[in-house]
Amino acid sequence: MKNVIVASALSLALMGGLVHAQTSPATPAPAKAAAMASSDPIVVMRTEQRAARNAFNESAKTIRAERAATVKVAVDKAVAEAKASGKDPIIARRVANRQAMQATKPDFDARMKAITDTRNEAMAAAKAKSVAAKP
């Protein structure tokens, strides 16, 4: 019985993946195309806010990846040193991760604050423009 459930779930997942792979993400859906050409102030505001959030997420992803790479280098170095000296590598990994996260926090926070402020300003500008456009 369990095998039948697993097999049916797997087949549904595969079929869903095949159907998803056949759709073209480059062409916008009719609803999205209509929303992009809309003159409704609420729709325009939400579109602008979505664009601001997407830009923020892309920038944040880069900043987070850079921090993770820096932390990973420090952790890998600490683990290698722990293994060479006969110490517990799990504890060394945990300690090094915490230290590296604390060491990179000021720079990370400053960079995140800059893009957060930019996003918040864009969101507020879109909202103000929407409020001004309402009759």
N, C-alpha and C. Protein backbone atom coordinates (compact mmCIF):
# COMPACT_ATOMS: atom_id res chain seq x y z
N MET A 1 0.82 -1.18 0.00
CA MET A 1 0.00 0.00 0.00
C MET A 1 0.87 1.26 0.00
N LYS A 2 1.92 1.24 0.82
CA LYS A 2 2.81 2.40 0.88
C LYS A 2 3.50 2.60 -0.46
N ASN A 3 3.87 1.50 -1.12
CA ASN A 3 4.54 1.61 -2.40
C ASN A 3 3.63 2.23 -3.45
N VAL A 4 2.35 1.91 -3.41
CA VAL A 4 1.39 2.47 -4.37
C VAL A 4 1.25 3.97 -4.15
N ILE A 5 1.20 4.38 -2.90
CA ILE A 5 1.08 5.80 -2.59
C ILE A 5 2.33 6.54 -3.04
N VAL A 6 3.48 6.00 -2.74
CA VAL A 6 4.74 6.63 -3.15
C VAL A 6 4.84 6.68 -4.66
N ALA A 7 4.49 5.60 -5.34
CA ALA A 7 4.57 5.56 -6.80
C ALA A 7 3.61 6.56 -7.42
N SER A 8 2.41 6.68 -6.89
CA SER A 8 1.46 7.63 -7.46
C SER A 8 1.90 9.07 -7.19
N ALA A 9 2.43 9.34 -6.03
CA ALA A 9 2.93 10.68 -5.73
C ALA A 9 4.10 11.04 -6.63
N LEU A 10 4.97 10.08 -6.87
CA LEU A 10 6.12 10.31 -7.74
C LEU A 10 5.67 10.56 -9.17
N SER A 11 4.71 9.79 -9.64
CA SER A 11 4.25 9.98 -11.01
C SER A 11 3.55 11.32 -11.18
N LEU A 12 2.77 11.74 -10.17
CA LEU A 12 2.14 13.05 -10.25
C LEU A 12 3.18 14.17 -10.25
N ALA A 13 4.21 14.01 -9.45
CA ALA A 13 5.26 15.02 -9.41
C ALA A 13 5.99 15.09 -10.75
N LEU A 14 6.25 13.96 -11.33
CA LEU A 14 6.93 13.96 -12.63
C LEU A 14 6.06 14.56 -13.71
N MET A 15 4.79 14.23 -13.71
CA MET A 15 3.89 14.80 -14.71
C MET A 15 3.77 16.31 -14.52
N GLY A 16 3.71 16.75 -13.30
CA GLY A 16 3.66 18.19 -13.03
C GLY A 16 4.91 18.88 -13.51
N GLY A 17 6.05 18.24 -13.34
CA GLY A 17 7.31 18.81 -13.81
C GLY A 17 7.35 18.88 -15.32
N LEU A 18 6.83 17.87 -15.99
CA LEU A 18 6.81 17.88 -17.45
C LEU A 18 5.88 18.97 -17.97
N VAL A 19 4.74 19.12 -17.33
CA VAL A 19 3.81 20.16 -17.76
C VAL A 19 4.42 21.52 -17.52
N HIS A 20 5.08 21.69 -16.38
CA HIS A 20 5.72 22.96 -16.06
C HIS A 20 6.85 23.26 -17.05
N ALA A 21 7.57 22.25 -17.46
CA ALA A 21 8.69 22.45 -18.38
C ALA A 21 8.20 22.87 -19.75
N GLN A 22 6.97 22.57 -20.12
CA GLN A 22 6.45 22.91 -21.43
C GLN A 22 5.98 24.35 -21.51
N THR A 23 5.76 25.00 -20.38
CA THR A 23 5.33 26.39 -20.43
C THR A 23 6.54 27.28 -20.59
N SER A 24 6.37 28.36 -21.29
CA SER A 24 7.48 29.27 -21.54
C SER A 24 7.42 30.42 -20.55
N PRO A 25 8.43 30.56 -19.69
CA PRO A 25 8.41 31.64 -18.72
C PRO A 25 8.69 33.00 -19.35
N ALA A 26 9.20 33.03 -20.60
CA ALA A 26 9.54 34.29 -21.23
C ALA A 26 8.28 35.06 -21.63
N THR A 27 7.19 34.38 -21.92
CA THR A 27 5.97 35.07 -22.31
C THR A 27 5.11 35.29 -21.07
N PRO A 28 4.74 36.54 -20.81
CA PRO A 28 3.94 36.79 -19.62
C PRO A 28 2.53 36.24 -19.78
N ALA A 29 1.96 35.88 -18.69
CA ALA A 29 0.58 35.40 -18.69
C ALA A 29 -0.34 36.55 -19.07
N PRO A 30 -1.51 36.27 -19.61
CA PRO A 30 -2.41 37.35 -20.01
C PRO A 30 -2.74 38.29 -18.86
N ALA A 31 -2.89 37.75 -17.66
CA ALA A 31 -3.19 38.60 -16.52
C ALA A 31 -2.03 39.54 -16.20
N LYS A 32 -0.81 39.03 -16.32
CA LYS A 32 0.35 39.87 -16.05
C LYS A 32 0.50 40.95 -17.12
N ALA A 33 0.22 40.58 -18.37
CA ALA A 33 0.31 41.56 -19.45
C ALA A 33 -0.72 42.66 -19.25
N ALA A 34 -1.91 42.28 -18.81
CA ALA A 34 -2.95 43.28 -18.56
C ALA A 34 -2.58 44.15 -17.38
N ALA A 35 -1.97 43.57 -16.37
CA ALA A 35 -1.57 44.34 -15.19
C ALA A 35 -0.47 45.32 -15.53
N MET A 36 0.42 44.94 -16.42
CA MET A 36 1.53 45.82 -16.78
C MET A 36 1.02 47.03 -17.57
N ALA A 37 -0.07 46.87 -18.32
CA ALA A 37 -0.59 47.95 -19.13
C ALA A 37 -1.76 48.66 -18.44
N SER A 38 -2.02 48.36 -17.21
CA SER A 38 -3.17 48.90 -16.50
C SER A 38 -2.95 50.36 -16.14
N SER A 39 -4.05 51.09 -16.10
CA SER A 39 -3.98 52.48 -15.66
C SER A 39 -4.53 52.63 -14.25
N ASP A 40 -4.97 51.54 -13.65
CA ASP A 40 -5.48 51.56 -12.29
C ASP A 40 -4.32 51.88 -11.34
N PRO A 41 -4.46 52.90 -10.50
CA PRO A 41 -3.35 53.29 -9.63
C PRO A 41 -2.92 52.20 -8.66
N ILE A 42 -3.85 51.37 -8.21
CA ILE A 42 -3.51 50.30 -7.27
C ILE A 42 -2.65 49.25 -7.99
N VAL A 43 -3.04 48.91 -9.20
CA VAL A 43 -2.29 47.91 -9.96
C VAL A 43 -0.90 48.44 -10.29
N VAL A 44 -0.82 49.70 -10.67
CA VAL A 44 0.48 50.30 -10.99
C VAL A 44 1.35 50.32 -9.74
N MET A 45 0.76 50.70 -8.59
CA MET A 45 1.51 50.74 -7.34
C MET A 45 2.06 49.36 -6.99
N ARG A 46 1.21 48.35 -7.09
CA ARG A 46 1.65 47.00 -6.75
C ARG A 46 2.72 46.50 -7.70
N THR A 47 2.62 46.86 -8.96
CA THR A 47 3.65 46.47 -9.93
C THR A 47 4.98 47.14 -9.61
N GLU A 48 4.94 48.42 -9.28
CA GLU A 48 6.17 49.13 -8.92
C GLU A 48 6.76 48.58 -7.62
N GLN A 49 5.90 48.27 -6.66
CA GLN A 49 6.40 47.72 -5.41
C GLN A 49 6.99 46.32 -5.62
N ARG A 50 6.37 45.53 -6.48
CA ARG A 50 6.90 44.20 -6.79
C ARG A 50 8.28 44.33 -7.44
N ALA A 51 8.43 45.30 -8.32
CA ALA A 51 9.73 45.51 -8.96
C ALA A 51 10.78 45.92 -7.93
N ALA A 52 10.40 46.77 -6.98
CA ALA A 52 11.33 47.20 -5.92
C ALA A 52 11.73 46.01 -5.05
N ARG A 53 10.75 45.17 -4.70
CA ARG A 53 11.06 43.99 -3.89
C ARG A 53 11.96 43.01 -4.64
N ASN A 54 11.71 42.82 -5.93
CA ASN A 54 12.53 41.92 -6.73
C ASN A 54 13.97 42.43 -6.83
N ALA A 55 14.12 43.73 -7.03
CA ALA A 55 15.47 44.30 -7.09
C ALA A 55 16.18 44.13 -5.75
N PHE A 56 15.45 44.36 -4.66
CA PHE A 56 16.02 44.17 -3.33
C PHE A 56 16.46 42.71 -3.13
N ASN A 57 15.60 41.77 -3.50
CA ASN A 57 15.91 40.36 -3.31
C ASN A 57 17.14 39.94 -4.11
N GLU A 58 17.28 40.44 -5.32
CA GLU A 58 18.46 40.11 -6.12
C GLU A 58 19.73 40.67 -5.48
N SER A 59 19.67 41.91 -5.01
CA SER A 59 20.83 42.52 -4.36
C SER A 59 21.15 41.80 -3.05
N ALA A 60 20.13 41.48 -2.29
CA ALA A 60 20.33 40.80 -1.01
C ALA A 60 20.91 39.42 -1.23
N LYS A 61 20.49 38.75 -2.27
CA LYS A 61 21.00 37.41 -2.56
C LYS A 61 22.51 37.46 -2.80
N THR A 62 22.95 38.47 -3.51
CA THR A 62 24.38 38.63 -3.77
C THR A 62 25.15 38.92 -2.48
N ILE A 63 24.62 39.82 -1.67
CA ILE A 63 25.29 40.17 -0.41
C ILE A 63 25.35 38.96 0.52
N ARG A 64 24.26 38.23 0.61
CA ARG A 64 24.24 37.04 1.48
C ARG A 64 25.19 35.97 0.98
N ALA A 65 25.28 35.82 -0.34
CA ALA A 65 26.20 34.82 -0.90
C ALA A 65 27.65 35.18 -0.62
N GLU A 66 27.98 36.46 -0.71
CA GLU A 66 29.34 36.89 -0.40
C GLU A 66 29.68 36.64 1.07
N ARG A 67 28.73 36.92 1.95
CA ARG A 67 28.97 36.68 3.37
C ARG A 67 29.11 35.18 3.64
N ALA A 68 28.27 34.38 3.02
CA ALA A 68 28.34 32.94 3.22
C ALA A 68 29.67 32.38 2.72
N ALA A 69 30.17 32.92 1.61
CA ALA A 69 31.46 32.46 1.10
C ALA A 69 32.59 32.82 2.06
N THR A 70 32.54 34.02 2.62
CA THR A 70 33.56 34.44 3.58
C THR A 70 33.52 33.56 4.82
N VAL A 71 32.32 33.30 5.31
CA VAL A 71 32.17 32.46 6.50
C VAL A 71 32.64 31.04 6.21
N LYS A 72 32.30 30.53 5.05
CA LYS A 72 32.68 29.16 4.70
C LYS A 72 34.20 28.99 4.66
N VAL A 73 34.90 29.98 4.13
CA VAL A 73 36.36 29.92 4.10
C VAL A 73 36.92 29.85 5.52
N ALA A 74 36.41 30.69 6.40
CA ALA A 74 36.89 30.70 7.79
C ALA A 74 36.55 29.38 8.50
N VAL A 75 35.37 28.86 8.26
CA VAL A 75 34.96 27.61 8.90
C VAL A 75 35.80 26.44 8.38
N ASP A 76 36.00 26.39 7.08
CA ASP A 76 36.81 25.30 6.51
C ASP A 76 38.24 25.33 7.05
N LYS A 77 38.78 26.52 7.20
CA LYS A 77 40.13 26.65 7.74
C LYS A 77 40.18 26.17 9.19
N ALA A 78 39.18 26.54 9.98
CA ALA A 78 39.14 26.13 11.39
C ALA A 78 38.96 24.62 11.51
N VAL A 79 38.14 24.03 10.66
CA VAL A 79 37.92 22.58 10.70
C VAL A 79 39.21 21.85 10.33
N ALA A 80 39.92 22.35 9.32
CA ALA A 80 41.17 21.71 8.91
C ALA A 80 42.20 21.79 10.03
N GLU A 81 42.27 22.93 10.70
CA GLU A 81 43.20 23.08 11.81
C GLU A 81 42.81 22.16 12.98
N ALA A 82 41.52 22.02 13.22
CA ALA A 82 41.06 21.16 14.30
C ALA A 82 41.39 19.71 14.02
N LYS A 83 41.20 19.29 12.78
CA LYS A 83 41.51 17.90 12.42
C LYS A 83 43.01 17.65 12.54
N ALA A 84 43.82 18.64 12.14
CA ALA A 84 45.26 18.47 12.20
C ALA A 84 45.76 18.41 13.65
N SER A 85 45.10 19.14 14.52
CA SER A 85 45.55 19.15 15.92
C SER A 85 44.84 18.11 16.77
N GLY A 86 43.91 17.36 16.20
CA GLY A 86 43.23 16.30 16.94
C GLY A 86 42.05 16.77 17.77
N LYS A 87 41.58 17.97 17.53
CA LYS A 87 40.41 18.48 18.25
C LYS A 87 39.14 18.07 17.53
N ASP A 88 38.03 18.28 18.17
CA ASP A 88 36.73 17.93 17.59
C ASP A 88 36.37 18.93 16.48
N PRO A 89 36.25 18.46 15.23
CA PRO A 89 35.95 19.38 14.13
C PRO A 89 34.53 19.96 14.18
N ILE A 90 33.61 19.26 14.80
CA ILE A 90 32.23 19.75 14.88
C ILE A 90 32.17 20.99 15.77
N ILE A 91 32.87 20.92 16.89
CA ILE A 91 32.90 22.08 17.79
C ILE A 91 33.67 23.22 17.14
N ALA A 92 34.75 22.90 16.47
CA ALA A 92 35.54 23.93 15.78
C ALA A 92 34.70 24.61 14.70
N ARG A 93 33.88 23.83 13.99
CA ARG A 93 33.01 24.40 12.95
C ARG A 93 32.00 25.36 13.57
N ARG A 94 31.39 24.94 14.67
CA ARG A 94 30.37 25.77 15.32
C ARG A 94 30.98 27.07 15.83
N VAL A 95 32.13 26.98 16.48
CA VAL A 95 32.78 28.17 17.03
C VAL A 95 33.23 29.10 15.91
N ALA A 96 33.83 28.54 14.88
CA ALA A 96 34.32 29.36 13.78
C ALA A 96 33.17 30.02 13.03
N ASN A 97 32.08 29.31 12.87
CA ASN A 97 30.91 29.88 12.20
C ASN A 97 30.38 31.08 12.97
N ARG A 98 30.26 30.93 14.27
CA ARG A 98 29.75 32.02 15.09
C ARG A 98 30.70 33.22 15.05
N GLN A 99 32.00 32.97 15.16
CA GLN A 99 32.97 34.06 15.13
C GLN A 99 32.98 34.78 13.78
N ALA A 100 32.91 34.01 12.71
CA ALA A 100 32.92 34.61 11.37
C ALA A 100 31.64 35.41 11.12
N MET A 101 30.51 34.90 11.61
CA MET A 101 29.25 35.64 11.45
C MET A 101 29.30 36.96 12.23
N GLN A 102 29.88 36.93 13.42
CA GLN A 102 29.99 38.16 14.20
C GLN A 102 30.98 39.13 13.56
N ALA A 103 32.05 38.60 12.98
CA ALA A 103 33.05 39.46 12.36
C ALA A 103 32.52 40.13 11.09
N THR A 104 31.65 39.46 10.36
CA THR A 104 31.13 40.02 9.11
C THR A 104 29.83 40.79 9.30
N LYS A 105 29.29 40.79 10.51
CA LYS A 105 28.00 41.43 10.76
C LYS A 105 27.98 42.93 10.48
N PRO A 106 28.94 43.72 10.92
CA PRO A 106 28.86 45.17 10.67
C PRO A 106 28.83 45.52 9.17
N ASP A 107 29.69 44.89 8.40
CA ASP A 107 29.72 45.16 6.97
C ASP A 107 28.43 44.68 6.31
N PHE A 108 27.98 43.50 6.70
CA PHE A 108 26.75 42.94 6.14
C PHE A 108 25.55 43.84 6.46
N ASP A 109 25.45 44.28 7.70
CA ASP A 109 24.33 45.14 8.10
C ASP A 109 24.36 46.48 7.35
N ALA A 110 25.55 47.03 7.16
CA ALA A 110 25.66 48.31 6.44
C ALA A 110 25.22 48.15 4.98
N ARG A 111 25.65 47.07 4.35
CA ARG A 111 25.27 46.84 2.96
C ARG A 111 23.79 46.54 2.83
N MET A 112 23.24 45.79 3.77
CA MET A 112 21.81 45.48 3.73
C MET A 112 20.98 46.73 4.02
N LYS A 113 21.47 47.61 4.90
CA LYS A 113 20.74 48.83 5.22
C LYS A 113 20.62 49.71 3.98
N ALA A 114 21.68 49.76 3.19
CA ALA A 114 21.65 50.59 1.99
C ALA A 114 20.58 50.11 1.01
N ILE A 115 20.53 48.82 0.76
CA ILE A 115 19.53 48.34 -0.20
C ILE A 115 18.13 48.32 0.42
N THR A 116 18.05 48.16 1.74
CA THR A 116 16.74 48.21 2.40
C THR A 116 16.17 49.61 2.32
N ASP A 117 17.01 50.62 2.53
CA ASP A 117 16.55 52.00 2.43
C ASP A 117 16.09 52.32 1.01
N THR A 118 16.83 51.84 0.02
CA THR A 118 16.45 52.05 -1.37
C THR A 118 15.09 51.41 -1.67
N ARG A 119 14.91 50.19 -1.19
CA ARG A 119 13.64 49.50 -1.40
C ARG A 119 12.50 50.23 -0.71
N ASN A 120 12.72 50.64 0.53
CA ASN A 120 11.67 51.33 1.27
C ASN A 120 11.28 52.65 0.62
N GLU A 121 12.27 53.36 0.09
CA GLU A 121 11.98 54.62 -0.61
C GLU A 121 11.16 54.37 -1.87
N ALA A 122 11.52 53.33 -2.62
CA ALA A 122 10.77 53.01 -3.84
C ALA A 122 9.35 52.58 -3.51
N MET A 123 9.19 51.81 -2.44
CA MET A 123 7.85 51.38 -2.03
C MET A 123 7.01 52.59 -1.60
N ALA A 124 7.60 53.50 -0.84
CA ALA A 124 6.88 54.68 -0.39
C ALA A 124 6.53 55.60 -1.56
N ALA A 125 7.45 55.73 -2.51
CA ALA A 125 7.18 56.57 -3.68
C ALA A 125 6.04 55.99 -4.51
N ALA A 126 6.00 54.69 -4.66
CA ALA A 126 4.92 54.05 -5.41
C ALA A 126 3.59 54.26 -4.70
N LYS A 127 3.60 54.14 -3.38
CA LYS A 127 2.37 54.34 -2.62
C LYS A 127 1.91 55.79 -2.69
N ALA A 128 2.85 56.72 -2.59
CA ALA A 128 2.49 58.14 -2.65
C ALA A 128 1.91 58.49 -4.02
N LYS A 129 2.50 57.93 -5.06
CA LYS A 129 2.00 58.17 -6.41
C LYS A 129 0.60 57.59 -6.57
N SER A 130 0.34 56.44 -5.97
CA SER A 130 -0.98 55.83 -6.04
C SER A 130 -2.01 56.66 -5.29
N VAL A 131 -1.63 57.15 -4.11
CA VAL A 131 -2.55 57.97 -3.32
C VAL A 131 -2.86 59.27 -4.06
N ALA A 132 -1.85 59.85 -4.69
CA ALA A 132 -2.06 61.10 -5.43
C ALA A 132 -2.93 60.89 -6.65
N ALA A 133 -2.91 59.70 -7.23
CA ALA A 133 -3.68 59.43 -8.44
C ALA A 133 -5.13 59.10 -8.15
N LYS A 134 -5.46 58.79 -6.90
CA LYS A 134 -6.85 58.48 -6.55
C LYS A 134 -7.69 59.75 -6.61
N PRO A 135 -8.93 59.63 -7.09
CA PRO A 135 -9.80 60.84 -7.19
C PRO A 135 -10.28 61.30 -5.84
